[in-house]
């Protein structure tokens, strides 16, 4: 997912300026035009995709650009409430909504909205949905009906976020990695992915699954706990439970179960994937 040059002079200067403002945030003059200009310049980089809060590096690790989060938090601090009119709708907020979607190659159905400081690449489709500030949605991704993409979430290319999916936001602490959905993923209806969880490239996550940073991910073939909060690339995963003993009895705690490993590109065979889910008694 990493394709950005973090060494440009503009970004280096802004990073230094934003970190300086952050260090003096308690005494910052919110009406200082230089402060406002610096913060707005940083948010414009996020808004146009020239900077992003986090990205997957070449070695597979997630790099977090804390200064981008500082910029968002500073924007909240210096901005004032105002009335925002959008056609027949009226809002009262500190952050304006995005516009000029068609010029940017983004399809937006009535009822959808995105905040300034979020990015949608060309080919993104937004059904009635919401994308918060700091989020990055890459090319040709479908953001389906009633999807919420939380602040700073990073969504890859050719992803389908199905109806009602909730992608959590992670703005604070600044060093924390946000939710990462890598390229070519399919996230089933009503799934929740939050608390910095990560879904690997090409993964299908069955309907209704909950994945947070503390949810165990288990391979059903071996019984091995693969990780917490991270689903490996190119697999089919579904919601599950595992039994735990408490003073009051035995109860099932949520897990995510990896039920099938896929070959690269197999996600696009919808009939085969539906059969895999049916064979395991999972929702399709």
Protein backbone atom coordinates (compact mmCIF):
# COMPACT_ATOMS: atom_id res chain seq x y z
CA UNK A 1 0.00 0.00 0.00
CA UNK A 2 3.01 2.31 0.33
CA UNK A 3 3.50 4.50 -2.75
CA UNK A 4 4.16 7.92 -1.26
CA UNK A 5 7.35 9.96 -1.13
CA UNK A 6 7.82 11.03 2.48
CA UNK A 7 11.04 12.90 1.70
CA UNK A 8 9.63 15.86 -0.27
CA UNK A 9 10.74 19.29 0.98
CA UNK A 10 7.14 20.42 1.55
CA UNK A 11 6.32 17.40 3.66
CA UNK A 12 9.56 17.63 5.64
CA UNK A 13 8.94 21.30 6.40
CA UNK A 14 5.32 20.73 7.33
CA UNK A 15 6.19 17.78 9.54
CA UNK A 16 8.62 19.96 11.48
CA UNK A 17 6.15 22.87 11.70
CA UNK A 18 3.27 20.68 12.85
CA UNK A 19 5.39 18.96 15.49
CA UNK A 20 6.46 22.39 16.76
CA UNK A 21 2.83 23.55 16.98
CA UNK A 22 1.88 20.32 18.72
CA UNK A 23 4.54 20.87 21.37
CA UNK A 24 3.00 24.26 22.21
CA UNK A 25 -0.63 23.22 21.72
CA UNK A 26 -1.69 24.22 25.25
CA UNK A 27 -0.81 27.87 24.67
CA UNK A 28 -1.56 28.03 20.94
CA UNK A 29 -3.41 31.07 19.62
CA UNK A 30 -6.24 29.49 17.63
CA UNK A 31 -6.79 32.76 15.73
CA UNK A 32 -3.16 33.19 14.61
CA UNK A 33 -3.27 33.26 10.78
CA UNK A 34 0.13 31.57 10.50
CA UNK A 35 -1.01 28.70 12.72
CA UNK A 36 -4.21 28.32 10.72
CA UNK A 37 -2.33 28.37 7.40
CA UNK A 38 0.16 25.72 8.55
CA UNK A 39 -2.51 23.35 9.86
CA UNK A 40 -4.67 23.82 6.77
CA UNK A 41 -1.71 23.12 4.50
CA UNK A 42 -1.12 19.82 6.28
CA UNK A 43 -4.79 18.87 6.08
CA UNK A 44 -4.76 19.67 2.36
CA UNK A 45 -2.01 17.06 1.92
CA UNK A 46 -4.24 14.46 3.58
CA UNK A 47 -7.25 15.65 1.58
CA UNK A 48 -5.46 15.17 -1.74
CA UNK A 49 -3.72 11.91 -0.83
CA UNK A 50 -0.22 13.43 -0.94
CA UNK A 51 0.22 12.41 2.70
CA UNK A 52 -1.46 9.71 4.72
CA UNK A 53 -1.69 8.85 8.39
CA UNK A 54 -0.31 5.32 7.96
CA UNK A 55 0.78 2.90 5.25
CA UNK A 56 2.06 -0.63 4.87
CA UNK A 57 5.82 -0.55 4.29
CA UNK A 58 7.77 -2.82 1.94
CA UNK A 59 8.66 -5.16 4.83
CA UNK A 60 4.99 -5.59 5.78
CA UNK A 61 5.10 -3.38 8.87
CA UNK A 62 2.75 -0.45 9.36
CA UNK A 63 4.37 2.96 9.47
CA UNK A 64 2.42 5.69 11.30
CA UNK A 65 2.99 9.34 10.46
CA UNK A 66 2.24 10.86 13.85
CA UNK A 67 2.54 14.41 12.55
CA UNK A 68 -0.50 13.80 10.33
CA UNK A 69 -2.53 12.87 13.40
CA UNK A 70 -1.19 15.93 15.18
CA UNK A 71 -2.44 18.06 12.26
CA UNK A 72 -5.95 16.60 12.56
CA UNK A 73 -6.04 17.14 16.31
CA UNK A 74 -4.75 20.70 15.89
CA UNK A 75 -7.44 21.36 13.28
CA UNK A 76 -10.10 20.42 15.81
CA UNK A 77 -8.47 22.77 18.32
CA UNK A 78 -8.29 25.83 16.09
CA UNK A 79 -11.52 25.41 14.11
CA UNK A 80 -14.77 27.08 15.07
CA UNK A 81 -18.31 25.86 14.72
CA UNK A 82 -20.13 27.10 11.65
CA UNK A 83 -23.24 26.38 9.64
CA UNK A 84 -22.58 24.22 6.58
CA UNK A 85 -25.24 24.19 3.87
CA UNK A 86 -25.24 21.42 1.28
CA UNK A 87 -28.29 21.55 -0.98
CA UNK A 88 -31.38 21.06 1.18
CA UNK A 89 -29.26 19.92 4.15
CA UNK A 90 -27.79 21.94 6.97
CA UNK A 91 -25.01 20.91 9.34
CA UNK A 92 -23.27 22.52 12.29
CA UNK A 93 -19.65 21.41 12.54
CA UNK A 94 -16.04 22.51 12.68
CA UNK A 95 -14.86 20.62 9.60
CA UNK A 96 -16.23 21.24 6.07
CA UNK A 97 -17.37 18.48 3.74
CA UNK A 98 -15.53 17.47 0.58
CA UNK A 99 -16.77 18.49 -2.85
CA UNK A 100 -15.83 18.32 -6.56
CA UNK A 101 -16.15 14.54 -6.58
CA UNK A 102 -16.79 14.16 -10.31
CA UNK A 103 -13.68 16.12 -11.20
CA UNK A 104 -11.70 13.71 -9.02
CA UNK A 105 -13.25 10.62 -10.61
CA UNK A 106 -15.23 9.60 -7.51
CA UNK A 107 -18.87 8.49 -7.71
CA UNK A 108 -20.98 9.69 -4.79
CA UNK A 109 -24.62 8.67 -4.37
CA UNK A 110 -26.97 11.08 -2.55
CA UNK A 111 -26.76 10.50 1.18
CA UNK A 112 -23.00 9.93 1.17
CA UNK A 113 -20.55 12.40 2.67
CA UNK A 114 -16.87 12.70 3.46
CA UNK A 115 -15.03 15.20 5.60
CA UNK A 116 -12.28 17.50 4.38
CA UNK A 117 -8.97 15.82 5.19
CA UNK A 118 -10.10 12.39 4.02
CA UNK A 119 -9.03 11.02 0.64
CA UNK A 120 -10.86 9.01 -1.99
CA UNK A 121 -8.86 7.90 -5.03
CA UNK A 122 -10.29 7.81 -8.57
CA UNK A 123 -12.76 4.97 -9.10
CA UNK A 124 -14.05 4.98 -5.52
CA UNK A 125 -17.83 4.57 -5.24
CA UNK A 126 -19.62 5.93 -2.19
CA UNK A 127 -23.14 4.71 -1.61
CA UNK A 128 -24.98 6.49 1.25
CA UNK A 129 -22.08 6.29 3.71
CA UNK A 130 -19.66 8.39 5.76
CA UNK A 131 -15.87 8.82 5.59
CA UNK A 132 -14.18 10.68 8.43
CA UNK A 133 -11.16 12.99 8.43
CA UNK A 134 -7.76 11.35 8.02
CA UNK A 135 -9.17 8.26 6.30
CA UNK A 136 -7.61 7.08 3.03
CA UNK A 137 -9.68 5.07 0.53
CA UNK A 138 -7.68 3.80 -2.43
CA UNK A 139 -8.65 3.33 -6.08
CA UNK A 140 -11.74 1.42 -7.26
CA UNK A 141 -13.01 0.62 -3.78
CA UNK A 142 -16.74 0.28 -3.10
CA UNK A 143 -17.99 1.94 0.08
CA UNK A 144 -21.44 0.42 0.25
CA UNK A 145 -24.66 1.55 1.89
CA UNK A 146 -24.45 2.68 5.56
CA UNK A 147 -20.73 2.01 5.77
CA UNK A 148 -18.74 4.14 8.21
CA UNK A 149 -15.03 4.63 7.61
CA UNK A 150 -13.59 6.05 10.83
CA UNK A 151 -10.94 8.73 11.22
CA UNK A 152 -7.48 7.73 9.92
CA UNK A 153 -8.60 4.26 8.68
CA UNK A 154 -6.59 3.08 5.67
CA UNK A 155 -8.51 1.19 2.97
CA UNK A 156 -6.69 -0.38 0.02
CA UNK A 157 -7.39 -0.74 -3.69
CA UNK A 158 -10.25 -2.82 -5.13
CA UNK A 159 -11.83 -3.36 -1.70
CA UNK A 160 -15.55 -3.95 -1.16
CA UNK A 161 -16.89 -2.68 2.16
CA UNK A 162 -20.36 -4.28 2.17
CA UNK A 163 -23.55 -2.78 3.56
CA UNK A 164 -23.43 -1.64 7.16
CA UNK A 165 -19.73 -2.29 7.71
CA UNK A 166 -18.17 -0.28 10.53
CA UNK A 167 -14.50 0.60 10.18
CA UNK A 168 -13.29 2.11 13.44
CA UNK A 169 -11.20 5.21 13.80
CA UNK A 170 -7.97 5.50 15.77
CA UNK A 171 -6.91 9.12 16.23
CA UNK A 172 -5.40 8.91 19.71
CA UNK A 173 -2.86 8.00 20.89
CA UNK A 174 -1.00 9.47 17.94
CA UNK A 175 1.50 6.62 17.72
CA UNK A 176 -1.21 3.94 17.46
CA UNK A 177 -1.74 2.25 14.10
CA UNK A 178 -5.22 2.80 12.65
CA UNK A 179 -7.39 0.12 11.06
CA UNK A 180 -5.75 -1.24 7.91
CA UNK A 181 -7.75 -3.01 5.18
CA UNK A 182 -5.27 -4.05 2.51
CA UNK A 183 -5.85 -4.33 -1.26
CA UNK A 184 -8.37 -6.73 -2.82
CA UNK A 185 -10.33 -7.45 0.39
CA UNK A 186 -14.03 -8.20 0.69
CA UNK A 187 -15.55 -7.20 4.05
CA UNK A 188 -18.99 -8.79 4.48
CA UNK A 189 -22.17 -7.06 5.58
CA UNK A 190 -22.34 -5.71 9.15
CA UNK A 191 -18.73 -6.56 9.98
CA UNK A 192 -16.95 -4.39 12.52
CA UNK A 193 -13.20 -3.83 12.19
CA UNK A 194 -11.87 -1.53 14.90
CA UNK A 195 -9.13 -0.71 17.42
CA UNK A 196 -6.23 -0.83 14.97
CA UNK A 197 -7.09 -4.26 13.56
CA UNK A 198 -5.62 -5.28 10.22
CA UNK A 199 -7.04 -7.37 7.38
CA UNK A 200 -4.44 -8.80 5.02
CA UNK A 201 -4.47 -8.51 1.23
CA UNK A 202 -7.10 -10.51 -0.64
CA UNK A 203 -8.99 -11.63 2.46
CA UNK A 204 -12.71 -12.34 2.57
CA UNK A 205 -14.28 -11.59 5.95
CA UNK A 206 -17.69 -13.21 6.31
CA UNK A 207 -20.79 -11.26 7.28
CA UNK A 208 -21.19 -10.12 10.87
CA UNK A 209 -17.61 -10.74 12.03
CA UNK A 210 -16.08 -8.52 14.70
CA UNK A 211 -12.34 -7.92 14.58
CA UNK A 212 -10.59 -5.68 17.09
CA UNK A 213 -7.01 -5.50 18.26
CA UNK A 214 -7.70 -8.05 21.00
CA UNK A 215 -9.85 -10.60 19.11
CA UNK A 216 -8.01 -13.93 18.57
CA UNK A 217 -7.64 -15.10 14.96
CA UNK A 218 -7.57 -18.92 14.84
CA UNK A 219 -6.77 -21.38 12.04
CA UNK A 220 -9.51 -24.05 12.13
CA UNK A 221 -7.26 -26.65 10.46
CA UNK A 222 -4.62 -26.56 13.21
CA UNK A 223 -6.37 -24.86 16.13
CA UNK A 224 -3.44 -22.44 16.27
CA UNK A 225 -4.01 -18.87 17.37
CA UNK A 226 -2.40 -16.95 14.52
CA UNK A 227 -2.58 -13.50 16.05
CA UNK A 228 -4.82 -11.04 17.77
CA UNK A 229 -6.48 -8.45 15.63
CA UNK A 230 -4.75 -9.40 12.38
CA UNK A 231 -6.08 -11.66 9.63
CA UNK A 232 -3.44 -13.04 7.24
CA UNK A 233 -3.48 -12.36 3.50
CA UNK A 234 -5.48 -14.40 0.99
CA UNK A 235 -7.85 -16.36 3.17
CA UNK A 236 -11.54 -16.69 4.06
CA UNK A 237 -12.34 -15.81 7.66
CA UNK A 238 -15.64 -15.87 9.57
CA UNK A 239 -17.01 -15.02 12.99
CA UNK A 240 -16.61 -17.72 15.63
CA UNK A 241 -16.52 -18.32 19.37
CA UNK A 242 -14.36 -20.27 21.77
CA UNK A 243 -15.41 -21.50 25.16
CA UNK A 244 -14.04 -19.96 28.33
CA UNK A 245 -14.74 -20.86 31.96
CA UNK A 246 -15.93 -18.21 34.40
CA UNK A 247 -17.26 -18.47 37.96
CA UNK A 248 -20.77 -18.26 36.52
CA UNK A 249 -20.26 -21.01 33.95
CA UNK A 250 -18.96 -21.67 30.42
CA UNK A 251 -19.38 -18.85 27.92
CA UNK A 252 -18.37 -18.29 24.32
CA UNK A 253 -16.05 -15.37 23.61
CA UNK A 254 -15.74 -13.96 20.08
CA UNK A 255 -13.00 -15.05 17.71
CA UNK A 256 -12.33 -14.87 13.99
CA UNK A 257 -11.80 -18.25 12.33
CA UNK A 258 -9.64 -18.72 9.24
CA UNK A 259 -11.51 -21.46 7.38
CA UNK A 260 -9.77 -21.46 4.00
CA UNK A 261 -6.48 -20.34 2.47
CA UNK A 262 -6.81 -18.81 -0.99
CA UNK A 263 -4.45 -18.62 -3.91
CA UNK A 264 -3.67 -15.09 -4.98
CA UNK A 265 -6.56 -13.64 -6.97
CA UNK A 266 -9.07 -16.31 -5.90
CA UNK A 267 -11.25 -13.75 -4.13
CA UNK A 268 -12.74 -12.73 -7.46
CA UNK A 269 -14.44 -16.13 -7.99
CA UNK A 270 -17.66 -15.25 -6.14
CA UNK A 271 -19.42 -18.59 -6.67
CA UNK A 272 -16.43 -20.50 -5.28
CA UNK A 273 -16.26 -18.23 -2.24
CA UNK A 274 -19.97 -18.59 -1.56
CA UNK A 275 -19.57 -22.35 -1.63
CA UNK A 276 -16.67 -22.20 0.84
CA UNK A 277 -18.83 -20.20 3.24
CA UNK A 278 -21.85 -22.52 2.81
CA UNK A 279 -19.68 -25.57 3.43
CA UNK A 280 -18.77 -24.11 6.82
CA UNK A 281 -22.29 -22.97 7.65
CA UNK A 282 -21.31 -19.29 7.41
CA UNK A 283 -23.33 -16.38 6.03
CA UNK A 284 -22.64 -15.43 2.42
